[in-house]
């Protein structure tokens, strides 16, 4: 059961572009009030580029697709908000908890709602020190979600604290195309270059949309990763970023920090080492990615039925039932993949 904000439902019903936004960055990624200001700026960036934003979260056990200002404030200030990946969704819902969704959970809910594009800073991936990535348990849930859920994810690559070559190898093995938006190289989160090639370069939203639509019309499952380099003015030099990462990894190992606590610890250490430059880069590319995602979402609407492939290979409208509230509040929508 989803609760879809009326503005978002109206856009979906009209087949207008919608961009899903994750909420984990609000409750777990940035400190108040920077977290709230950034969430509001991302929604504004989506609007300014022709789409409707749909920040996804769980509020008191209800999955919300699109949040009110009060709910954004609640996530930004409340303690004990659960960080929700795919596995955590039933727990947070059953217990009536507040939850902030990761990339994986945001993708899953977006697909249920019929949203084709989401924006984020960077995806999770294979952690460093995992020589057998295909069999290792230390792999982000974002990766299998990309392999199975039909949502295009716009980001600045994988978080650079991860093993980028192994992350790309995992995605290749599982059939996830990696596009470089106005770049030939996979971005390294804080840095524009990683030395690793993307599968294809695209220079316009329309080019990206054609590839995304073609994949789904071919009947291929899973998403597409559209990688956008951090704007040059906010970039951290690759050597500086790597130096900060190595120090952060050493500190984590010394303190025995692992599991879900590892990524936020590493990011906070990197922010400290770079005197906040990493946070400034993060906020800059978050806004830029939201803008690019909105333009791609708009281009995707123009690509529907235009490739000449079998239209029955994809679903243009999600299955489900919409229950419209006569009071004009949230719209309850039960949908199935």
C-alpha atoms as a PDB file:
ATOM      1  CA  UNK A   1       0.000   0.000   0.000  1.00  0.00           C
ATOM      2  CA  UNK A   2       1.424   3.343  -1.077  1.00  0.00           C
ATOM      3  CA  UNK A   3       0.323   6.839  -0.194  1.00  0.00           C
ATOM      4  CA  UNK A   4       0.971   8.989  -3.237  1.00  0.00           C
ATOM      5  CA  UNK A   5       0.901  12.756  -2.858  1.00  0.00           C
ATOM      6  CA  UNK A   6      -1.860  14.271  -5.046  1.00  0.00           C
ATOM      7  CA  UNK A   7       0.575  16.349  -7.127  1.00  0.00           C
ATOM      8  CA  UNK A   8       2.600  13.231  -7.904  1.00  0.00           C
ATOM      9  CA  UNK A   9      -0.505  11.151  -8.666  1.00  0.00           C
ATOM     10  CA  UNK A  10      -1.799  13.853 -10.990  1.00  0.00           C
ATOM     11  CA  UNK A  11       1.493  13.850 -12.903  1.00  0.00           C
ATOM     12  CA  UNK A  12       1.481  10.049 -13.154  1.00  0.00           C
ATOM     13  CA  UNK A  13      -2.111  10.006 -14.377  1.00  0.00           C
ATOM     14  CA  UNK A  14      -1.221  12.613 -17.008  1.00  0.00           C
ATOM     15  CA  UNK A  15       1.885  10.648 -18.047  1.00  0.00           C
ATOM     16  CA  UNK A  16       4.024  13.644 -17.092  1.00  0.00           C
ATOM     17  CA  UNK A  17       7.654  13.292 -15.940  1.00  0.00           C
ATOM     18  CA  UNK A  18       8.254  12.463 -12.269  1.00  0.00           C
ATOM     19  CA  UNK A  19      11.615  12.013 -10.527  1.00  0.00           C
ATOM     20  CA  UNK A  20      11.960   9.924  -7.367  1.00  0.00           C
ATOM     21  CA  UNK A  21      14.357  11.176  -4.678  1.00  0.00           C
ATOM     22  CA  UNK A  22      15.795   9.135  -1.839  1.00  0.00           C
ATOM     23  CA  UNK A  23      15.421  10.275   1.759  1.00  0.00           C
ATOM     24  CA  UNK A  24      18.357   8.554   3.492  1.00  0.00           C
ATOM     25  CA  UNK A  25      20.499  11.609   2.790  1.00  0.00           C
ATOM     26  CA  UNK A  26      18.049  13.677   4.883  1.00  0.00           C
ATOM     27  CA  UNK A  27      18.140  11.580   8.049  1.00  0.00           C
ATOM     28  CA  UNK A  28      21.546   9.898   7.717  1.00  0.00           C
ATOM     29  CA  UNK A  29      23.615  11.810   5.174  1.00  0.00           C
ATOM     30  CA  UNK A  30      23.734  15.449   6.270  1.00  0.00           C
ATOM     31  CA  UNK A  31      23.323  17.400   9.501  1.00  0.00           C
ATOM     32  CA  UNK A  32      20.440  19.768  10.245  1.00  0.00           C
ATOM     33  CA  UNK A  33      19.655  22.293   8.791  1.00  0.00           C
ATOM     34  CA  UNK A  34      21.827  21.438   5.787  1.00  0.00           C
ATOM     35  CA  UNK A  35      19.883  18.216   5.268  1.00  0.00           C
ATOM     36  CA  UNK A  36      16.521  19.977   5.047  1.00  0.00           C
ATOM     37  CA  UNK A  37      17.865  22.768   2.848  1.00  0.00           C
ATOM     38  CA  UNK A  38      19.403  20.218   0.489  1.00  0.00           C
ATOM     39  CA  UNK A  39      16.207  18.147   0.270  1.00  0.00           C
ATOM     40  CA  UNK A  40      14.242  21.284  -0.588  1.00  0.00           C
ATOM     41  CA  UNK A  41      16.867  22.327  -3.156  1.00  0.00           C
ATOM     42  CA  UNK A  42      16.697  18.933  -4.873  1.00  0.00           C
ATOM     43  CA  UNK A  43      12.936  19.159  -5.218  1.00  0.00           C
ATOM     44  CA  UNK A  44      13.309  22.676  -6.591  1.00  0.00           C
ATOM     45  CA  UNK A  45      15.938  21.524  -9.123  1.00  0.00           C
ATOM     46  CA  UNK A  46      13.542  18.851 -10.379  1.00  0.00           C
ATOM     47  CA  UNK A  47      10.715  21.391 -10.743  1.00  0.00           C
ATOM     48  CA  UNK A  48      12.923  23.926 -12.531  1.00  0.00           C
ATOM     49  CA  UNK A  49      13.767  21.285 -15.132  1.00  0.00           C
ATOM     50  CA  UNK A  50      10.228  20.303 -15.981  1.00  0.00           C
ATOM     51  CA  UNK A  51       9.372  17.362 -13.726  1.00  0.00           C
ATOM     52  CA  UNK A  52       7.521  16.704 -10.480  1.00  0.00           C
ATOM     53  CA  UNK A  53       9.661  15.593  -7.502  1.00  0.00           C
ATOM     54  CA  UNK A  54       8.623  12.598  -5.416  1.00  0.00           C
ATOM     55  CA  UNK A  55      10.758  12.215  -2.308  1.00  0.00           C
ATOM     56  CA  UNK A  56      10.132   8.725  -0.956  1.00  0.00           C
ATOM     57  CA  UNK A  57      10.084   7.772   2.725  1.00  0.00           C
ATOM     58  CA  UNK A  58       8.116   5.887   5.351  1.00  0.00           C
ATOM     59  CA  UNK A  59       6.107   8.017   7.774  1.00  0.00           C
ATOM     60  CA  UNK A  60       4.544   6.198  10.742  1.00  0.00           C
ATOM     61  CA  UNK A  61       4.584   2.927   8.829  1.00  0.00           C
ATOM     62  CA  UNK A  62       3.076   4.359   5.631  1.00  0.00           C
ATOM     63  CA  UNK A  63       5.098   4.412   2.416  1.00  0.00           C
ATOM     64  CA  UNK A  64       4.910   7.962   1.100  1.00  0.00           C
ATOM     65  CA  UNK A  65       5.613   8.881  -2.514  1.00  0.00           C
ATOM     66  CA  UNK A  66       6.026  12.640  -2.278  1.00  0.00           C
ATOM     67  CA  UNK A  67       6.420  14.410   1.057  1.00  0.00           C
ATOM     68  CA  UNK A  68       4.961  17.552   2.577  1.00  0.00           C
ATOM     69  CA  UNK A  69       7.190  20.278   4.010  1.00  0.00           C
ATOM     70  CA  UNK A  70       6.276  19.047   7.486  1.00  0.00           C
ATOM     71  CA  UNK A  71       7.364  15.513   6.649  1.00  0.00           C
ATOM     72  CA  UNK A  72      10.676  16.706   5.234  1.00  0.00           C
ATOM     73  CA  UNK A  73      11.189  18.635   8.483  1.00  0.00           C
ATOM     74  CA  UNK A  74      10.288  15.527  10.487  1.00  0.00           C
ATOM     75  CA  UNK A  75      12.902  13.398   8.738  1.00  0.00           C
ATOM     76  CA  UNK A  76      15.497  16.156   9.035  1.00  0.00           C
ATOM     77  CA  UNK A  77      15.109  16.628  12.796  1.00  0.00           C
ATOM     78  CA  UNK A  78      13.726  13.440  14.338  1.00  0.00           C
ATOM     79  CA  UNK A  79      16.041  10.985  16.066  1.00  0.00           C
ATOM     80  CA  UNK A  80      15.814   7.242  15.509  1.00  0.00           C
ATOM     81  CA  UNK A  81      14.628   7.284  11.899  1.00  0.00           C
ATOM     82  CA  UNK A  82      15.340   3.848  10.447  1.00  0.00           C
ATOM     83  CA  UNK A  83      17.598   3.662   7.397  1.00  0.00           C
ATOM     84  CA  UNK A  84      15.501   1.548   5.043  1.00  0.00           C
ATOM     85  CA  UNK A  85      16.808  -0.657   2.274  1.00  0.00           C
ATOM     86  CA  UNK A  86      14.660  -3.269   0.494  1.00  0.00           C
ATOM     87  CA  UNK A  87      14.924  -5.780   3.364  1.00  0.00           C
ATOM     88  CA  UNK A  88      13.822  -3.163   5.921  1.00  0.00           C
ATOM     89  CA  UNK A  89      10.608  -2.097   4.186  1.00  0.00           C
ATOM     90  CA  UNK A  90       8.337  -4.733   5.789  1.00  0.00           C
ATOM     91  CA  UNK A  91       9.864  -4.131   9.221  1.00  0.00           C
ATOM     92  CA  UNK A  92       9.339  -0.355   9.142  1.00  0.00           C
ATOM     93  CA  UNK A  93       5.809  -0.723   7.743  1.00  0.00           C
ATOM     94  CA  UNK A  94       4.705  -3.426  10.197  1.00  0.00           C
ATOM     95  CA  UNK A  95       6.075  -1.545  13.199  1.00  0.00           C
ATOM     96  CA  UNK A  96       4.684   1.831  12.187  1.00  0.00           C
ATOM     97  CA  UNK A  97       8.135   3.404  12.105  1.00  0.00           C
ATOM     98  CA  UNK A  98       9.577   6.386  10.308  1.00  0.00           C
ATOM     99  CA  UNK A  99      12.082   5.321   7.686  1.00  0.00           C
ATOM    100  CA  UNK A 100      14.405   7.017   5.206  1.00  0.00           C
ATOM    101  CA  UNK A 101      14.908   5.080   1.993  1.00  0.00           C
ATOM    102  CA  UNK A 102      18.221   4.163   0.404  1.00  0.00           C
ATOM    103  CA  UNK A 103      18.743   3.893  -3.350  1.00  0.00           C
ATOM    104  CA  UNK A 104      17.546   0.265  -3.330  1.00  0.00           C
ATOM    105  CA  UNK A 105      14.324   0.932  -1.419  1.00  0.00           C
ATOM    106  CA  UNK A 106      13.649   4.135  -3.369  1.00  0.00           C
ATOM    107  CA  UNK A 107      13.978   2.235  -6.656  1.00  0.00           C
ATOM    108  CA  UNK A 108      11.612  -0.477  -5.462  1.00  0.00           C
ATOM    109  CA  UNK A 109       8.931   1.960  -4.312  1.00  0.00           C
ATOM    110  CA  UNK A 110       9.370   4.136  -7.402  1.00  0.00           C
ATOM    111  CA  UNK A 111       8.739   1.118  -9.624  1.00  0.00           C
ATOM    112  CA  UNK A 112       5.604   0.251  -7.643  1.00  0.00           C
ATOM    113  CA  UNK A 113       4.333   3.786  -8.186  1.00  0.00           C
ATOM    114  CA  UNK A 114       5.179   3.819 -11.896  1.00  0.00           C
ATOM    115  CA  UNK A 115       8.100   6.271 -11.674  1.00  0.00           C
ATOM    116  CA  UNK A 116      10.868   5.564 -14.185  1.00  0.00           C
ATOM    117  CA  UNK A 117      13.719   7.834 -13.019  1.00  0.00           C
ATOM    118  CA  UNK A 118      15.359   8.585  -9.690  1.00  0.00           C
ATOM    119  CA  UNK A 119      18.228  10.871  -8.705  1.00  0.00           C
ATOM    120  CA  UNK A 120      20.811  10.390  -5.986  1.00  0.00           C
ATOM    121  CA  UNK A 121      24.394  11.323  -5.154  1.00  0.00           C
ATOM    122  CA  UNK A 122      26.076   7.965  -5.589  1.00  0.00           C
ATOM    123  CA  UNK A 123      25.106   4.319  -5.461  1.00  0.00           C
ATOM    124  CA  UNK A 124      26.516   1.705  -3.126  1.00  0.00           C
ATOM    125  CA  UNK A 125      28.719  -1.032  -4.507  1.00  0.00           C
ATOM    126  CA  UNK A 126      31.393  -3.571  -3.678  1.00  0.00           C
ATOM    127  CA  UNK A 127      33.405  -2.633  -0.614  1.00  0.00           C
ATOM    128  CA  UNK A 128      37.168  -2.530  -0.842  1.00  0.00           C
ATOM    129  CA  UNK A 129      39.051  -5.666   0.125  1.00  0.00           C
ATOM    130  CA  UNK A 130      36.561  -8.062  -1.499  1.00  0.00           C
ATOM    131  CA  UNK A 131      38.597 -10.200  -3.941  1.00  0.00           C
ATOM    132  CA  UNK A 132      35.617 -12.401  -4.877  1.00  0.00           C
ATOM    133  CA  UNK A 133      32.994  -9.770  -5.552  1.00  0.00           C
ATOM    134  CA  UNK A 134      30.508 -12.119  -7.171  1.00  0.00           C
ATOM    135  CA  UNK A 135      30.338 -14.226  -4.024  1.00  0.00           C
ATOM    136  CA  UNK A 136      31.078 -11.684  -1.297  1.00  0.00           C
ATOM    137  CA  UNK A 137      28.363 -10.702   1.153  1.00  0.00           C
ATOM    138  CA  UNK A 138      29.816  -7.191   1.463  1.00  0.00           C
ATOM    139  CA  UNK A 139      27.945  -5.800  -1.528  1.00  0.00           C
ATOM    140  CA  UNK A 140      25.409  -2.997  -1.348  1.00  0.00           C
ATOM    141  CA  UNK A 141      21.747  -3.876  -1.893  1.00  0.00           C
ATOM    142  CA  UNK A 142      21.736  -1.109  -4.509  1.00  0.00           C
ATOM    143  CA  UNK A 143      23.477  -3.414  -6.998  1.00  0.00           C
ATOM    144  CA  UNK A 144      20.956  -6.291  -7.104  1.00  0.00           C
ATOM    145  CA  UNK A 145      18.169  -3.700  -7.152  1.00  0.00           C
ATOM    146  CA  UNK A 146      19.690  -2.170 -10.285  1.00  0.00           C
ATOM    147  CA  UNK A 147      19.806  -5.659 -11.804  1.00  0.00           C
ATOM    148  CA  UNK A 148      16.117  -6.380 -11.235  1.00  0.00           C
ATOM    149  CA  UNK A 149      14.104  -3.137 -11.003  1.00  0.00           C
ATOM    150  CA  UNK A 150      13.146  -1.007 -14.024  1.00  0.00           C
ATOM    151  CA  UNK A 151      14.205   2.418 -12.828  1.00  0.00           C
ATOM    152  CA  UNK A 152      16.921   4.591 -14.346  1.00  0.00           C
ATOM    153  CA  UNK A 153      19.239   5.933 -11.638  1.00  0.00           C
ATOM    154  CA  UNK A 154      21.027   9.236 -12.208  1.00  0.00           C
ATOM    155  CA  UNK A 155      24.079   9.643  -9.959  1.00  0.00           C
ATOM    156  CA  UNK A 156      27.745  10.650  -9.815  1.00  0.00           C
ATOM    157  CA  UNK A 157      28.961   7.073  -9.910  1.00  0.00           C
ATOM    158  CA  UNK A 158      29.452   4.816  -6.917  1.00  0.00           C
ATOM    159  CA  UNK A 159      30.729   6.240  -3.644  1.00  0.00           C
ATOM    160  CA  UNK A 160      34.487   6.498  -4.035  1.00  0.00           C
ATOM    161  CA  UNK A 161      35.077   4.731  -0.708  1.00  0.00           C
ATOM    162  CA  UNK A 162      34.139   1.553  -2.610  1.00  0.00           C
ATOM    163  CA  UNK A 163      36.019  -0.689  -5.022  1.00  0.00           C
ATOM    164  CA  UNK A 164      34.998   0.926  -8.295  1.00  0.00           C
ATOM    165  CA  UNK A 165      36.471  -1.665 -10.714  1.00  0.00           C
ATOM    166  CA  UNK A 166      34.737  -4.540  -8.905  1.00  0.00           C
ATOM    167  CA  UNK A 167      31.496  -2.559  -8.703  1.00  0.00           C
ATOM    168  CA  UNK A 168      31.553  -2.034 -12.475  1.00  0.00           C
ATOM    169  CA  UNK A 169      32.367  -5.705 -13.038  1.00  0.00           C
ATOM    170  CA  UNK A 170      29.386  -6.742 -10.899  1.00  0.00           C
ATOM    171  CA  UNK A 171      27.061  -4.440 -12.847  1.00  0.00           C
ATOM    172  CA  UNK A 172      28.390  -5.732 -16.177  1.00  0.00           C
ATOM    173  CA  UNK A 173      27.845  -9.342 -15.137  1.00  0.00           C
ATOM    174  CA  UNK A 174      24.255  -8.578 -14.137  1.00  0.00           C
ATOM    175  CA  UNK A 175      23.333  -6.675 -17.282  1.00  0.00           C
ATOM    176  CA  UNK A 176      23.164  -3.085 -16.038  1.00  0.00           C
ATOM    177  CA  UNK A 177      24.224  -0.585 -18.743  1.00  0.00           C
ATOM    178  CA  UNK A 178      26.381   2.275 -17.461  1.00  0.00           C
ATOM    179  CA  UNK A 179      26.018   5.525 -19.363  1.00  0.00           C
ATOM    180  CA  UNK A 180      28.321   8.507 -19.004  1.00  0.00           C
ATOM    181  CA  UNK A 181      26.446  11.796 -19.260  1.00  0.00           C
ATOM    182  CA  UNK A 182      28.808  14.064 -21.210  1.00  0.00           C
ATOM    183  CA  UNK A 183      31.725  11.902 -20.089  1.00  0.00           C
ATOM    184  CA  UNK A 184      33.665   8.859 -21.306  1.00  0.00           C
ATOM    185  CA  UNK A 185      34.757   7.874 -17.807  1.00  0.00           C
ATOM    186  CA  UNK A 186      32.880   6.559 -14.808  1.00  0.00           C
ATOM    187  CA  UNK A 187      32.779   9.432 -12.292  1.00  0.00           C
ATOM    188  CA  UNK A 188      34.434   8.808  -8.929  1.00  0.00           C
ATOM    189  CA  UNK A 189      31.834  10.590  -6.762  1.00  0.00           C
ATOM    190  CA  UNK A 190      33.883  13.577  -5.532  1.00  0.00           C
ATOM    191  CA  UNK A 191      36.090  13.496  -8.640  1.00  0.00           C
ATOM    192  CA  UNK A 192      35.134  13.737 -12.300  1.00  0.00           C
ATOM    193  CA  UNK A 193      37.359  10.892 -13.458  1.00  0.00           C
ATOM    194  CA  UNK A 194      38.219   7.391 -12.286  1.00  0.00           C
ATOM    195  CA  UNK A 195      40.186   6.048 -15.254  1.00  0.00           C
ATOM    196  CA  UNK A 196      37.386   3.503 -15.821  1.00  0.00           C
ATOM    197  CA  UNK A 197      35.353   3.608 -19.062  1.00  0.00           C
ATOM    198  CA  UNK A 198      31.556   3.682 -19.220  1.00  0.00           C
ATOM    199  CA  UNK A 199      29.581   1.449 -21.589  1.00  0.00           C
ATOM    200  CA  UNK A 200      28.378   4.390 -23.673  1.00  0.00           C
ATOM    201  CA  UNK A 201      28.663   8.152 -23.644  1.00  0.00           C
ATOM    202  CA  UNK A 202      25.485  10.212 -24.015  1.00  0.00           C
ATOM    203  CA  UNK A 203      25.539  13.973 -24.465  1.00  0.00           C
ATOM    204  CA  UNK A 204      21.841  14.811 -24.249  1.00  0.00           C
ATOM    205  CA  UNK A 205      18.830  13.670 -22.206  1.00  0.00           C
ATOM    206  CA  UNK A 206      17.304  12.345 -25.432  1.00  0.00           C
ATOM    207  CA  UNK A 207      20.273  10.040 -26.092  1.00  0.00           C
ATOM    208  CA  UNK A 208      20.013   8.644 -22.577  1.00  0.00           C
ATOM    209  CA  UNK A 209      16.251   8.206 -22.903  1.00  0.00           C
ATOM    210  CA  UNK A 210      16.575   6.256 -26.166  1.00  0.00           C
ATOM    211  CA  UNK A 211      18.890   3.709 -24.557  1.00  0.00           C
ATOM    212  CA  UNK A 212      16.763   3.400 -21.412  1.00  0.00           C
ATOM    213  CA  UNK A 213      13.544   2.965 -23.402  1.00  0.00           C
ATOM    214  CA  UNK A 214      15.180   0.487 -25.800  1.00  0.00           C
ATOM    215  CA  UNK A 215      16.323  -1.704 -22.908  1.00  0.00           C
ATOM    216  CA  UNK A 216      12.844  -1.957 -21.458  1.00  0.00           C
ATOM    217  CA  UNK A 217      11.114  -2.407 -24.808  1.00  0.00           C
ATOM    218  CA  UNK A 218      13.480  -5.311 -25.457  1.00  0.00           C
ATOM    219  CA  UNK A 219      11.977  -6.936 -22.378  1.00  0.00           C
ATOM    220  CA  UNK A 220      15.220  -6.716 -20.403  1.00  0.00           C
ATOM    221  CA  UNK A 221      14.752  -6.446 -16.665  1.00  0.00           C
ATOM    222  CA  UNK A 222      16.607  -4.082 -14.386  1.00  0.00           C
ATOM    223  CA  UNK A 223      17.638  -0.473 -14.490  1.00  0.00           C
ATOM    224  CA  UNK A 224      20.127   1.745 -16.269  1.00  0.00           C
ATOM    225  CA  UNK A 225      22.822   3.736 -14.480  1.00  0.00           C
ATOM    226  CA  UNK A 226      23.318   7.264 -15.827  1.00  0.00           C
ATOM    227  CA  UNK A 227      26.489   8.728 -14.352  1.00  0.00           C
ATOM    228  CA  UNK A 228      27.037  12.497 -14.209  1.00  0.00           C
ATOM    229  CA  UNK A 229      30.398  13.986 -13.149  1.00  0.00           C
ATOM    230  CA  UNK A 230      30.464  16.481 -10.298  1.00  0.00           C
ATOM    231  CA  UNK A 231      30.539  20.035 -11.721  1.00  0.00           C
ATOM    232  CA  UNK A 232      34.125  21.207 -12.157  1.00  0.00           C
ATOM    233  CA  UNK A 233      33.876  24.054  -9.654  1.00  0.00           C
ATOM    234  CA  UNK A 234      33.080  21.631  -6.806  1.00  0.00           C
ATOM    235  CA  UNK A 235      35.367  18.748  -7.746  1.00  0.00           C
ATOM    236  CA  UNK A 236      37.856  17.330  -5.260  1.00  0.00           C
ATOM    237  CA  UNK A 237      41.169  16.477  -6.940  1.00  0.00           C
ATOM    238  CA  UNK A 238      41.369  12.708  -7.319  1.00  0.00           C
ATOM    239  CA  UNK A 239      44.614  12.434  -5.348  1.00  0.00           C
ATOM    240  CA  UNK A 240      43.223  14.476  -2.441  1.00  0.00           C
ATOM    241  CA  UNK A 241      40.036  12.436  -2.343  1.00  0.00           C
ATOM    242  CA  UNK A 242      41.922   9.131  -2.395  1.00  0.00           C
ATOM    243  CA  UNK A 243      44.248  10.288   0.369  1.00  0.00           C
ATOM    244  CA  UNK A 244      41.266  11.193   2.566  1.00  0.00           C
ATOM    245  CA  UNK A 245      39.591   7.859   1.794  1.00  0.00           C
ATOM    246  CA  UNK A 246      42.679   5.871   2.762  1.00  0.00           C
ATOM    247  CA  UNK A 247      42.890   7.697   6.092  1.00  0.00           C
ATOM    248  CA  UNK A 248      39.195   7.095   6.736  1.00  0.00           C
ATOM    249  CA  UNK A 249      39.493   3.381   5.905  1.00  0.00           C
ATOM    250  CA  UNK A 250      42.457   3.039   8.253  1.00  0.00           C
ATOM    251  CA  UNK A 251      40.490   4.735  11.054  1.00  0.00           C
ATOM    252  CA  UNK A 252      37.499   2.433  10.474  1.00  0.00           C
ATOM    253  CA  UNK A 253      39.685  -0.666  10.618  1.00  0.00           C
ATOM    254  CA  UNK A 254      41.403   0.540  13.781  1.00  0.00           C
ATOM    255  CA  UNK A 255      38.025   1.096  15.497  1.00  0.00           C
ATOM    256  CA  UNK A 256      36.439  -2.092  14.158  1.00  0.00           C
ATOM    257  CA  UNK A 257      33.626  -0.277  12.374  1.00  0.00           C
ATOM    258  CA  UNK A 258      31.772  -2.461   9.862  1.00  0.00           C
ATOM    259  CA  UNK A 259      28.303  -3.068   8.376  1.00  0.00           C
ATOM    260  CA  UNK A 260      25.724  -0.290   8.125  1.00  0.00           C
ATOM    261  CA  UNK A 261      27.839   2.012  10.302  1.00  0.00           C
ATOM    262  CA  UNK A 262      30.806   1.918   7.910  1.00  0.00           C
ATOM    263  CA  UNK A 263      29.665   4.216   5.104  1.00  0.00           C
ATOM    264  CA  UNK A 264      28.445   7.118   7.296  1.00  0.00           C
ATOM    265  CA  UNK A 265      31.624   6.849   9.386  1.00  0.00           C
ATOM    266  CA  UNK A 266      33.852   6.984   6.310  1.00  0.00           C
ATOM    267  CA  UNK A 267      31.974   9.929   4.810  1.00  0.00           C
ATOM    268  CA  UNK A 268      32.203  11.896   8.059  1.00  0.00           C
ATOM    269  CA  UNK A 269      35.919  11.198   8.316  1.00  0.00           C
ATOM    270  CA  UNK A 270      36.454  12.322   4.722  1.00  0.00           C
ATOM    271  CA  UNK A 271      34.503  15.522   5.397  1.00  0.00           C
ATOM    272  CA  UNK A 272      36.739  16.223   8.380  1.00  0.00           C
ATOM    273  CA  UNK A 273      39.923  15.505   6.396  1.00  0.00           C
ATOM    274  CA  UNK A 274      38.882  17.795   3.546  1.00  0.00           C
ATOM    275  CA  UNK A 275      37.627  20.617   5.780  1.00  0.00           C
ATOM    276  CA  UNK A 276      34.104  20.188   4.449  1.00  0.00           C
ATOM    277  CA  UNK A 277      35.047  20.258   0.757  1.00  0.00           C
ATOM    278  CA  UNK A 278      33.658  16.750   0.263  1.00  0.00           C
ATOM    279  CA  UNK A 279      30.280  17.827   1.669  1.00  0.00           C
ATOM    280  CA  UNK A 280      30.191  20.857  -0.630  1.00  0.00           C
ATOM    281  CA  UNK A 281      30.959  18.602  -3.598  1.00  0.00           C
ATOM    282  CA  UNK A 282      28.236  16.185  -2.475  1.00  0.00           C
ATOM    283  CA  UNK A 283      25.544  18.863  -2.274  1.00  0.00           C
ATOM    284  CA  UNK A 284      26.596  20.346  -5.618  1.00  0.00           C
ATOM    285  CA  UNK A 285      26.358  17.082  -7.528  1.00  0.00           C
ATOM    286  CA  UNK A 286      23.128  16.112  -5.770  1.00  0.00           C
ATOM    287  CA  UNK A 287      21.472  19.249  -7.175  1.00  0.00           C
ATOM    288  CA  UNK A 288      23.027  18.760 -10.606  1.00  0.00           C
ATOM    289  CA  UNK A 289      21.944  15.112 -10.741  1.00  0.00           C
ATOM    290  CA  UNK A 290      18.372  16.054  -9.817  1.00  0.00           C
ATOM    291  CA  UNK A 291      18.295  18.553 -12.696  1.00  0.00           C
ATOM    292  CA  UNK A 292      19.692  16.025 -15.193  1.00  0.00           C
ATOM    293  CA  UNK A 293      17.256  13.350 -13.967  1.00  0.00           C
ATOM    294  CA  UNK A 294      14.322  15.694 -14.565  1.00  0.00           C
ATOM    295  CA  UNK A 295      15.432  16.363 -18.124  1.00  0.00           C
ATOM    296  CA  UNK A 296      15.885  12.641 -18.802  1.00  0.00           C
ATOM    297  CA  UNK A 297      12.467  11.891 -17.302  1.00  0.00           C
ATOM    298  CA  UNK A 298      10.963  14.413 -19.710  1.00  0.00           C
ATOM    299  CA  UNK A 299      12.840  12.927 -22.660  1.00  0.00           C
ATOM    300  CA  UNK A 300      11.646   9.439 -21.725  1.00  0.00           C
ATOM    301  CA  UNK A 301       8.051  10.513 -22.157  1.00  0.00           C
ATOM    302  CA  UNK A 302       8.915  11.574 -25.703  1.00  0.00           C
ATOM    303  CA  UNK A 303      10.528   8.198 -26.361  1.00  0.00           C
ATOM    304  CA  UNK A 304       7.508   6.067 -25.492  1.00  0.00           C
ATOM    305  CA  UNK A 305       6.559   3.855 -28.449  1.00  0.00           C
ATOM    306  CA  UNK A 306       9.162   5.546 -30.666  1.00  0.00           C
ATOM    307  CA  UNK A 307      11.772   2.773 -30.951  1.00  0.00           C
ATOM    308  CA  UNK A 308       9.590   0.454 -33.016  1.00  0.00           C
ATOM    309  CA  UNK A 309      10.142  -2.462 -30.642  1.00  0.00           C
ATOM    310  CA  UNK A 310       7.461  -4.641 -29.086  1.00  0.00           C
ATOM    311  CA  UNK A 311       5.434  -2.340 -26.808  1.00  0.00           C
ATOM    312  CA  UNK A 312       4.129  -5.351 -24.883  1.00  0.00           C
ATOM    313  CA  UNK A 313       7.648  -5.991 -23.592  1.00  0.00           C
ATOM    314  CA  UNK A 314       7.272  -3.119 -21.141  1.00  0.00           C
ATOM    315  CA  UNK A 315       4.579  -1.775 -18.857  1.00  0.00           C
ATOM    316  CA  UNK A 316       3.768   1.891 -19.503  1.00  0.00           C
ATOM    317  CA  UNK A 317       1.379   2.113 -16.576  1.00  0.00           C
ATOM    318  CA  UNK A 318       1.735   0.202 -13.289  1.00  0.00           C
ATOM    319  CA  UNK A 319      -0.861  -2.329 -12.326  1.00  0.00           C
ATOM    320  CA  UNK A 320      -2.930  -1.381  -9.294  1.00  0.00           C
ATOM    321  CA  UNK A 321      -5.840   0.449  -7.788  1.00  0.00           C
ATOM    322  CA  UNK A 322      -5.967   4.141  -6.941  1.00  0.00           C
ATOM    323  CA  UNK A 323      -8.283   5.238  -4.160  1.00  0.00           C
ATOM    324  CA  UNK A 324      -8.857   8.993  -4.411  1.00  0.00           C
ATOM    325  CA  UNK A 325      -9.586  10.824  -1.193  1.00  0.00           C
ATOM    326  CA  UNK A 326     -12.637  13.117  -1.437  1.00  0.00           C
ATOM    327  CA  UNK A 327     -10.959  15.476   1.043  1.00  0.00           C
ATOM    328  CA  UNK A 328      -8.092  16.046  -1.385  1.00  0.00           C
ATOM    329  CA  UNK A 329      -5.477  14.460   0.870  1.00  0.00           C
ATOM    330  CA  UNK A 330      -3.104  11.665  -0.038  1.00  0.00           C
ATOM    331  CA  UNK A 331      -4.125   9.161  -2.672  1.00  0.00           C
ATOM    332  CA  UNK A 332      -3.881   5.545  -1.565  1.00  0.00           C
ATOM    333  CA  UNK A 333      -2.516   3.328  -4.294  1.00  0.00           C
ATOM    334  CA  UNK A 334      -2.035  -0.430  -4.128  1.00  0.00           C
ATOM    335  CA  UNK A 335       0.171  -1.611  -6.955  1.00  0.00           C
ATOM    336  CA  UNK A 336       1.981  -4.757  -7.993  1.00  0.00           C
ATOM    337  CA  UNK A 337       5.089  -5.259 -10.099  1.00  0.00           C
END
